[in-house]
Protein backbone atom coordinates (compact mmCIF):
# COMPACT_ATOMS: atom_id res chain seq x y z
CA UNK A 1 -0.02 0.10 0.07
CA UNK A 2 1.43 3.75 -0.73
CA UNK A 3 0.75 6.46 1.57
CA UNK A 4 1.62 9.67 0.97
CA UNK A 5 2.89 12.35 3.72
CA UNK A 6 5.60 14.05 4.69
CA UNK A 7 8.53 12.77 5.49
CA UNK A 8 11.68 14.35 7.30
CA UNK A 9 14.32 14.99 4.24
CA UNK A 10 17.14 14.35 7.16
CA UNK A 11 15.28 10.71 7.60
CA UNK A 12 15.58 9.81 3.43
CA UNK A 13 18.75 7.77 2.01
CA UNK A 14 19.91 8.31 -1.39
CA UNK A 15 22.67 5.91 -1.67
CA UNK A 16 22.52 5.87 -5.75
CA UNK A 17 24.44 9.63 -5.92
CA UNK A 18 23.22 11.75 -9.10
CA UNK A 19 23.92 14.62 -10.58
CA UNK A 20 21.16 17.61 -10.85
CA UNK A 21 20.69 20.05 -13.16
CA UNK A 22 21.05 23.30 -11.61
CA UNK A 23 17.77 24.85 -13.90
CA UNK A 24 15.44 22.60 -12.76
CA UNK A 25 16.58 22.91 -9.41
CA UNK A 26 16.61 26.83 -9.52
CA UNK A 27 12.83 26.59 -11.43
CA UNK A 28 11.63 23.69 -8.58
CA UNK A 29 12.60 26.40 -5.49
CA UNK A 30 10.74 28.74 -7.20
CA UNK A 31 7.77 26.77 -7.94
CA UNK A 32 7.61 25.46 -4.83
CA UNK A 33 8.33 29.10 -2.73
CA UNK A 34 5.50 30.25 -4.82
CA UNK A 35 3.06 27.53 -4.29
CA UNK A 36 4.24 24.27 -2.33
CA UNK A 37 5.33 20.95 -3.71
CA UNK A 38 2.88 19.79 -5.95
CA UNK A 39 4.42 16.44 -7.06
CA UNK A 40 5.16 13.35 -3.58
CA UNK A 41 8.89 12.43 -4.29
CA UNK A 42 8.63 8.19 -4.57
CA UNK A 43 10.26 6.56 -1.41
CA UNK A 44 10.98 3.73 -0.06
CA UNK A 45 10.19 2.25 3.77
CA UNK A 46 12.19 -0.47 4.86
CA UNK A 47 12.53 -1.85 7.62
CA UNK A 48 11.51 1.78 9.30
CA UNK A 49 14.22 3.93 7.52
CA UNK A 50 13.17 5.59 3.95
CA UNK A 51 15.55 5.06 0.66
CA UNK A 52 14.88 7.36 -2.30
CA UNK A 53 15.96 7.08 -5.70
CA UNK A 54 13.72 9.23 -7.67
CA UNK A 55 12.41 12.97 -7.13
CA UNK A 56 15.99 14.12 -6.90
CA UNK A 57 14.99 17.74 -8.28
CA UNK A 58 12.43 17.68 -5.59
CA UNK A 59 14.59 16.59 -3.17
CA UNK A 60 17.53 18.60 -3.22
CA UNK A 61 14.66 21.72 -4.17
CA UNK A 62 13.59 20.86 -0.60
CA UNK A 63 16.03 20.71 0.51
CA UNK A 64 17.91 23.66 -0.54
CA UNK A 65 15.35 26.29 0.80
CA UNK A 66 15.46 24.74 3.39
CA UNK A 67 11.91 23.08 4.42
CA UNK A 68 12.77 20.24 6.98
CA UNK A 69 10.01 17.73 5.14
CA UNK A 70 9.37 17.18 1.95
CA UNK A 71 5.92 15.05 0.61
CA UNK A 72 6.79 11.74 -0.41
CA UNK A 73 4.73 8.58 -1.77
CA UNK A 74 5.32 6.01 1.09
CA UNK A 75 6.13 2.61 -0.30
CA UNK A 76 6.69 -0.46 2.12
CA UNK A 77 9.41 -2.78 0.62
CA UNK A 78 10.84 -5.83 2.16
CA UNK A 79 14.75 -5.70 2.04
CA UNK A 80 14.89 -7.57 -1.00
CA UNK A 81 13.25 -5.14 -3.25
CA UNK A 82 16.03 -2.91 -1.93
CA UNK A 83 18.74 -4.88 -2.97
CA UNK A 84 17.45 -4.85 -6.53
CA UNK A 85 16.49 -0.86 -6.16
CA UNK A 86 20.85 -1.38 -5.32
CA UNK A 87 21.45 -3.64 -8.57
């Protein structure tokens, strides 16, 4: 089951580093500042820990805006699913 909720940014692990487009991050920052975050990022919850693999630009935009939380679609998954994402 997938739930949408606010997750503290500092609780989301991003195990796969990604280089974001600075122009896209800046545009998202302006949008989030003006109208709020419209689209949640996707996170896996495995053993009570959150892992983010998508929404990298939104995640960085919220971070740079000093937000404490990010709107996220949370999907509980077993460790085997996490391992598939890391393969």
